[in-house]
N, C-alpha and C. Protein backbone atom coordinates (compact mmCIF):
# COMPACT_ATOMS: atom_id res chain seq x y z
N MET A 1 -171.83 -73.06 14.87
CA MET A 1 -172.31 -71.95 15.63
C MET A 1 -172.80 -72.58 16.66
N ARG A 2 -172.53 -71.98 17.96
CA ARG A 2 -173.44 -72.42 19.18
C ARG A 2 -174.06 -71.20 19.97
N SER A 3 -174.59 -71.52 20.60
CA SER A 3 -175.17 -70.41 21.61
C SER A 3 -175.49 -70.77 22.92
N ASN A 4 -175.24 -69.77 23.92
CA ASN A 4 -175.48 -70.01 25.33
C ASN A 4 -176.86 -69.36 25.70
N GLY A 5 -177.81 -69.18 24.96
CA GLY A 5 -178.98 -68.75 25.08
C GLY A 5 -178.84 -67.06 24.90
N THR A 6 -177.63 -66.39 25.24
CA THR A 6 -177.82 -64.87 24.95
C THR A 6 -176.98 -64.74 23.63
N TYR A 7 -175.76 -65.32 23.69
CA TYR A 7 -174.73 -64.83 22.92
C TYR A 7 -174.62 -66.20 22.00
N GLN A 8 -174.55 -65.62 20.67
CA GLN A 8 -173.99 -66.95 19.74
C GLN A 8 -172.54 -67.00 19.50
N TYR A 9 -171.93 -68.00 19.57
CA TYR A 9 -170.49 -68.17 18.97
C TYR A 9 -170.40 -68.84 17.88
N ARG A 10 -169.20 -68.53 17.13
CA ARG A 10 -168.65 -68.88 15.94
C ARG A 10 -167.44 -69.54 16.05
N ARG A 11 -167.47 -70.72 15.50
CA ARG A 11 -166.23 -71.66 15.59
C ARG A 11 -165.31 -71.17 14.43
N LEU A 12 -164.13 -71.31 14.69
CA LEU A 12 -163.07 -70.88 13.69
C LEU A 12 -162.91 -72.15 13.13
N PRO A 13 -162.57 -72.29 11.69
CA PRO A 13 -162.34 -73.60 10.91
C PRO A 13 -161.18 -74.40 11.65
N VAL A 14 -160.36 -73.80 12.38
CA VAL A 14 -159.37 -74.65 13.19
C VAL A 14 -159.35 -74.28 14.67
N ASP A 15 -159.11 -75.08 15.15
CA ASP A 15 -158.88 -74.93 16.75
C ASP A 15 -157.77 -73.98 16.97
N VAL A 16 -157.88 -72.60 17.55
CA VAL A 16 -156.82 -71.97 17.75
C VAL A 16 -157.02 -71.62 19.40
N THR A 17 -155.81 -72.07 20.08
CA THR A 17 -156.13 -71.76 21.52
C THR A 17 -155.45 -70.43 21.98
N PRO A 18 -155.52 -69.90 22.90
CA PRO A 18 -154.99 -68.65 23.34
C PRO A 18 -153.60 -68.93 23.29
N THR A 19 -152.89 -69.77 23.67
CA THR A 19 -151.43 -70.31 23.83
C THR A 19 -151.13 -69.69 22.23
N ASP A 20 -151.69 -70.57 21.22
CA ASP A 20 -151.48 -70.36 19.79
C ASP A 20 -151.52 -68.97 19.39
N LEU A 21 -152.61 -68.30 19.80
CA LEU A 21 -152.69 -66.97 19.43
C LEU A 21 -151.47 -65.87 20.26
N GLU A 22 -151.13 -66.42 21.41
CA GLU A 22 -149.86 -65.63 21.92
C GLU A 22 -148.70 -65.97 21.23
N ARG A 23 -148.31 -66.95 20.91
CA ARG A 23 -147.07 -67.46 20.43
C ARG A 23 -147.18 -66.65 18.82
N LEU A 24 -148.26 -66.49 18.38
CA LEU A 24 -148.25 -65.62 17.22
C LEU A 24 -148.00 -64.53 17.36
N GLY A 25 -148.78 -63.85 18.43
CA GLY A 25 -148.34 -62.42 18.82
C GLY A 25 -147.03 -62.09 18.99
N TRP A 26 -146.30 -62.98 19.75
CA TRP A 26 -144.98 -62.62 19.96
C TRP A 26 -143.89 -62.68 18.76
N ALA A 27 -144.42 -63.69 17.96
CA ALA A 27 -143.76 -63.61 16.53
C ALA A 27 -143.82 -62.39 15.68
N LEU A 28 -145.23 -61.82 15.77
CA LEU A 28 -145.56 -60.65 15.07
C LEU A 28 -144.64 -59.37 15.73
N VAL A 29 -144.41 -59.41 17.27
CA VAL A 29 -143.71 -58.55 17.99
C VAL A 29 -142.29 -58.47 17.61
N GLY A 30 -141.73 -59.56 17.33
CA GLY A 30 -140.43 -59.82 16.80
C GLY A 30 -140.27 -59.30 15.22
N VAL A 31 -141.24 -59.46 14.52
CA VAL A 31 -140.95 -59.01 13.46
C VAL A 31 -141.36 -57.45 13.17
N SER A 32 -142.31 -57.16 13.83
CA SER A 32 -142.59 -55.43 13.81
C SER A 32 -141.49 -54.82 14.51
N LEU A 33 -140.79 -55.24 15.58
CA LEU A 33 -139.85 -54.60 16.24
C LEU A 33 -138.67 -54.41 15.35
N VAL A 34 -138.23 -55.37 14.61
CA VAL A 34 -137.19 -55.49 13.60
C VAL A 34 -137.33 -54.54 12.68
N ALA A 35 -138.52 -54.55 12.13
CA ALA A 35 -139.05 -53.82 11.10
C ALA A 35 -138.90 -52.54 11.37
N ASP A 36 -139.58 -52.03 12.36
CA ASP A 36 -139.79 -50.64 12.95
C ASP A 36 -138.22 -49.99 13.19
N ILE A 37 -137.23 -50.79 13.55
CA ILE A 37 -135.88 -50.45 13.71
C ILE A 37 -135.30 -50.14 12.54
N VAL A 38 -135.31 -51.25 11.65
CA VAL A 38 -134.77 -51.01 10.04
C VAL A 38 -135.32 -50.05 9.27
N THR A 39 -136.57 -49.64 9.17
CA THR A 39 -137.31 -48.88 8.59
C THR A 39 -136.94 -47.11 9.40
N THR A 40 -136.84 -47.08 10.53
CA THR A 40 -136.41 -45.89 11.41
C THR A 40 -134.80 -45.40 10.95
N VAL A 41 -133.99 -46.79 10.91
CA VAL A 41 -132.58 -46.47 10.46
C VAL A 41 -132.75 -45.89 9.00
N VAL A 42 -133.21 -46.71 8.32
CA VAL A 42 -133.26 -45.91 6.71
C VAL A 42 -133.79 -44.86 6.73
N GLY A 43 -134.96 -44.49 7.27
CA GLY A 43 -135.33 -43.04 7.36
C GLY A 43 -134.56 -42.07 7.90
N LEU A 44 -134.00 -42.60 8.87
CA LEU A 44 -133.09 -41.27 9.46
C LEU A 44 -131.53 -41.00 8.49
N ARG A 45 -131.18 -42.07 7.74
CA ARG A 45 -130.34 -42.18 6.76
C ARG A 45 -130.55 -41.31 5.65
N LEU A 46 -131.88 -41.10 5.32
CA LEU A 46 -132.36 -40.27 4.37
C LEU A 46 -132.70 -39.00 4.51
N GLY A 47 -132.27 -38.69 5.90
CA GLY A 47 -132.63 -37.40 6.45
C GLY A 47 -133.99 -37.12 7.14
N LEU A 48 -134.64 -38.08 7.29
CA LEU A 48 -135.92 -37.86 8.08
C LEU A 48 -135.82 -37.73 9.41
N ALA A 49 -136.97 -37.37 10.23
CA ALA A 49 -136.78 -37.29 11.78
C ALA A 49 -137.63 -38.32 12.19
N GLU A 50 -137.22 -38.70 13.53
CA GLU A 50 -138.01 -39.65 14.32
C GLU A 50 -139.28 -38.89 14.83
N SER A 51 -140.63 -39.28 14.88
CA SER A 51 -141.78 -38.40 15.17
C SER A 51 -141.97 -38.84 16.67
N ASN A 52 -141.65 -39.93 17.16
CA ASN A 52 -141.86 -40.29 18.36
C ASN A 52 -140.96 -39.62 19.28
N PRO A 53 -141.33 -38.46 20.25
CA PRO A 53 -140.39 -37.86 21.16
C PRO A 53 -139.56 -38.52 22.32
N VAL A 54 -140.25 -39.69 22.62
CA VAL A 54 -139.41 -40.67 23.48
C VAL A 54 -138.34 -41.36 22.65
N ALA A 55 -138.62 -41.79 21.66
CA ALA A 55 -137.87 -42.50 20.91
C ALA A 55 -136.65 -41.38 20.17
N ARG A 56 -137.14 -40.53 19.78
CA ARG A 56 -136.08 -39.52 19.38
C ARG A 56 -135.11 -39.16 20.37
N GLY A 57 -135.65 -38.92 21.76
CA GLY A 57 -134.65 -38.63 23.00
C GLY A 57 -133.75 -39.78 22.87
N ALA A 58 -134.03 -41.18 22.93
CA ALA A 58 -133.16 -42.09 23.09
C ALA A 58 -132.27 -42.28 22.11
N LEU A 59 -132.64 -41.81 20.79
CA LEU A 59 -131.98 -42.16 19.41
C LEU A 59 -130.76 -40.92 19.57
N GLU A 60 -131.08 -39.54 20.08
CA GLU A 60 -130.43 -38.35 20.20
C GLU A 60 -129.37 -38.73 21.21
N GLY A 61 -129.80 -39.41 22.38
CA GLY A 61 -128.85 -39.47 23.54
C GLY A 61 -127.95 -40.61 23.55
N TYR A 62 -128.51 -41.84 22.79
CA TYR A 62 -127.57 -43.20 22.96
C TYR A 62 -127.66 -43.87 21.48
N GLY A 63 -128.32 -43.31 20.49
CA GLY A 63 -128.17 -43.59 19.23
C GLY A 63 -128.83 -45.05 18.96
N LEU A 64 -128.76 -45.97 18.17
CA LEU A 64 -129.31 -47.11 17.95
C LEU A 64 -129.32 -47.95 19.30
N ALA A 65 -128.47 -47.99 19.97
CA ALA A 65 -128.38 -49.01 21.18
C ALA A 65 -129.69 -48.23 22.08
N GLY A 66 -130.09 -46.93 22.27
CA GLY A 66 -130.97 -46.22 22.87
C GLY A 66 -132.42 -46.63 22.35
N MET A 67 -132.47 -46.61 21.10
CA MET A 67 -133.52 -47.42 20.65
C MET A 67 -134.08 -48.89 20.78
N ILE A 68 -133.10 -49.80 20.82
CA ILE A 68 -132.98 -50.90 20.92
C ILE A 68 -133.49 -51.33 22.52
N ALA A 69 -132.65 -50.21 23.27
CA ALA A 69 -133.04 -50.34 24.97
C ALA A 69 -134.47 -49.92 25.00
N LEU A 70 -135.05 -48.77 24.53
CA LEU A 70 -136.30 -48.53 24.47
C LEU A 70 -137.35 -49.47 24.35
N LYS A 71 -137.32 -50.42 23.42
CA LYS A 71 -137.73 -51.47 22.98
C LYS A 71 -137.84 -52.71 23.97
N ALA A 72 -136.83 -53.02 24.24
CA ALA A 72 -136.49 -53.86 25.08
C ALA A 72 -137.25 -53.75 26.41
N VAL A 73 -137.34 -52.47 26.99
CA VAL A 73 -138.07 -52.20 28.14
C VAL A 73 -139.30 -52.17 27.83
N ALA A 74 -140.11 -51.84 26.79
CA ALA A 74 -141.46 -52.20 26.39
C ALA A 74 -141.80 -53.66 26.46
N VAL A 75 -140.89 -54.45 25.76
CA VAL A 75 -141.11 -56.07 25.80
C VAL A 75 -140.81 -56.34 27.27
N GLY A 76 -140.06 -56.22 28.13
CA GLY A 76 -139.89 -56.53 29.40
C GLY A 76 -140.95 -56.39 30.13
N ILE A 77 -141.47 -55.11 29.93
CA ILE A 77 -142.87 -54.68 30.67
C ILE A 77 -143.87 -55.41 30.47
N GLY A 78 -144.10 -55.76 29.18
CA GLY A 78 -145.12 -56.87 28.74
C GLY A 78 -144.77 -58.19 29.28
N LEU A 79 -143.57 -58.65 29.23
CA LEU A 79 -143.36 -59.93 30.15
C LEU A 79 -143.63 -59.92 31.53
N VAL A 80 -143.27 -58.80 32.38
CA VAL A 80 -143.50 -58.89 33.41
C VAL A 80 -145.08 -58.95 33.94
N CYS A 81 -146.01 -58.14 33.00
CA CYS A 81 -147.28 -58.09 33.24
C CYS A 81 -148.22 -59.35 32.74
N ARG A 82 -147.55 -60.22 31.85
CA ARG A 82 -148.16 -61.09 31.14
C ARG A 82 -148.82 -62.20 32.35
N PRO A 83 -147.84 -62.50 33.29
CA PRO A 83 -148.37 -63.50 34.37
C PRO A 83 -149.75 -63.06 35.28
N LEU A 84 -149.83 -61.74 35.13
CA LEU A 84 -151.08 -60.70 35.97
C LEU A 84 -152.30 -61.34 35.17
N LEU A 85 -152.38 -61.95 34.09
CA LEU A 85 -153.56 -61.77 33.12
C LEU A 85 -153.99 -63.15 33.20
N PRO A 86 -155.31 -63.66 33.12
CA PRO A 86 -155.77 -64.79 32.86
C PRO A 86 -155.17 -65.64 31.65
N LYS A 87 -155.14 -66.80 31.46
CA LYS A 87 -154.19 -67.37 30.31
C LYS A 87 -155.00 -67.11 29.22
N ALA A 88 -156.34 -66.81 29.11
CA ALA A 88 -157.30 -66.74 27.72
C ALA A 88 -156.79 -65.30 27.30
N SER A 89 -156.70 -64.31 28.21
CA SER A 89 -156.27 -62.91 27.75
C SER A 89 -154.71 -62.59 27.79
N ARG A 90 -154.01 -63.62 27.92
CA ARG A 90 -152.60 -63.23 27.40
C ARG A 90 -152.21 -62.62 26.20
N PRO A 91 -152.85 -63.21 25.05
CA PRO A 91 -152.33 -62.77 23.72
C PRO A 91 -152.64 -61.31 23.59
N ILE A 92 -153.13 -60.46 24.57
CA ILE A 92 -153.42 -59.14 24.31
C ILE A 92 -152.00 -58.35 24.57
N ILE A 93 -150.96 -59.06 25.30
CA ILE A 93 -149.93 -58.08 25.76
C ILE A 93 -149.04 -58.24 24.19
N PRO A 94 -148.72 -59.37 23.61
CA PRO A 94 -148.05 -59.02 22.39
C PRO A 94 -148.59 -58.20 21.51
N LEU A 95 -149.97 -58.43 21.30
CA LEU A 95 -150.53 -57.74 20.09
C LEU A 95 -150.71 -56.30 20.41
N GLY A 96 -150.82 -55.95 21.69
CA GLY A 96 -150.75 -54.56 22.22
C GLY A 96 -149.19 -53.96 21.88
N LEU A 97 -148.08 -54.91 21.90
CA LEU A 97 -147.02 -54.39 21.50
C LEU A 97 -146.96 -54.31 20.02
N ALA A 98 -147.03 -55.11 19.30
CA ALA A 98 -147.00 -55.30 17.99
C ALA A 98 -147.94 -54.23 17.11
N LEU A 99 -148.85 -54.22 17.61
CA LEU A 99 -149.85 -53.30 16.86
C LEU A 99 -149.29 -52.03 16.62
N PRO A 100 -148.65 -51.08 17.61
CA PRO A 100 -148.26 -49.71 17.10
C PRO A 100 -146.85 -49.76 16.45
N TRP A 101 -146.04 -50.78 16.63
CA TRP A 101 -144.93 -50.96 15.98
C TRP A 101 -145.27 -51.27 14.49
N THR A 102 -146.25 -52.28 14.23
CA THR A 102 -146.63 -52.48 12.74
C THR A 102 -147.32 -51.17 12.21
N VAL A 103 -148.02 -50.43 12.70
CA VAL A 103 -148.47 -49.20 12.44
C VAL A 103 -147.27 -48.09 12.16
N ALA A 104 -146.19 -48.03 12.72
CA ALA A 104 -145.17 -47.38 12.89
C ALA A 104 -144.37 -47.45 11.59
N VAL A 105 -144.41 -48.77 11.37
CA VAL A 105 -143.59 -49.66 10.30
C VAL A 105 -144.40 -49.01 8.91
N CYS A 106 -145.69 -49.29 8.74
CA CYS A 106 -146.41 -48.90 7.35
C CYS A 106 -145.97 -47.27 7.43
N PHE A 107 -146.33 -46.56 8.58
CA PHE A 107 -145.80 -45.18 8.47
C PHE A 107 -144.61 -44.99 7.86
N ASN A 108 -143.69 -45.42 8.44
CA ASN A 108 -142.32 -45.46 7.68
C ASN A 108 -141.94 -45.49 6.31
N VAL A 109 -142.56 -46.71 6.02
CA VAL A 109 -142.58 -47.30 4.60
C VAL A 109 -143.11 -46.29 3.74
N ALA A 110 -144.22 -45.66 4.21
CA ALA A 110 -145.17 -44.60 3.15
C ALA A 110 -143.90 -43.38 2.96
N THR A 111 -143.48 -43.03 4.33
CA THR A 111 -142.68 -41.83 4.27
C THR A 111 -141.45 -41.84 3.55
N ILE A 112 -140.83 -43.19 3.63
CA ILE A 112 -139.46 -43.37 2.82
C ILE A 112 -139.91 -43.37 1.73
N SER A 113 -140.95 -44.04 1.05
CA SER A 113 -141.19 -44.22 -0.33
C SER A 113 -141.76 -42.47 -0.89
N ALA A 114 -142.09 -41.82 0.01
CA ALA A 114 -142.44 -40.40 -0.72
C ALA A 114 -141.27 -39.68 -0.91
N VAL A 115 -140.22 -40.08 -0.15
CA VAL A 115 -138.76 -39.10 -0.36
C VAL A 115 -138.12 -39.91 -1.16
N SER A 116 -137.92 -41.17 -1.54
CA SER A 116 -137.10 -41.94 -2.22
C SER A 116 -137.35 -41.41 -3.77
């Protein structure tokens, strides 16, 4: 642990750079994106409905391609905004994308489990 006089900093047992965190974040985006699509499709086939009104509109209008396009737009916005942040803050972009999709996956799995 070190201190700059005001704040104390704890070091992690391994050196983790912002680049490492960002790579991990983008990997989590990929996993959560695919898991969200898969669990949504499974839920829809079981007769469940999409609760997100934007995603519901994309699915009703364009099917699975609409959902994939919607997620591609979200990732694209993240990639466009990424260079606007300082390097140390860039991991927030993929984590901000992955968090809601991971929560959605957990919700989807719980809902699917309840009806199966």
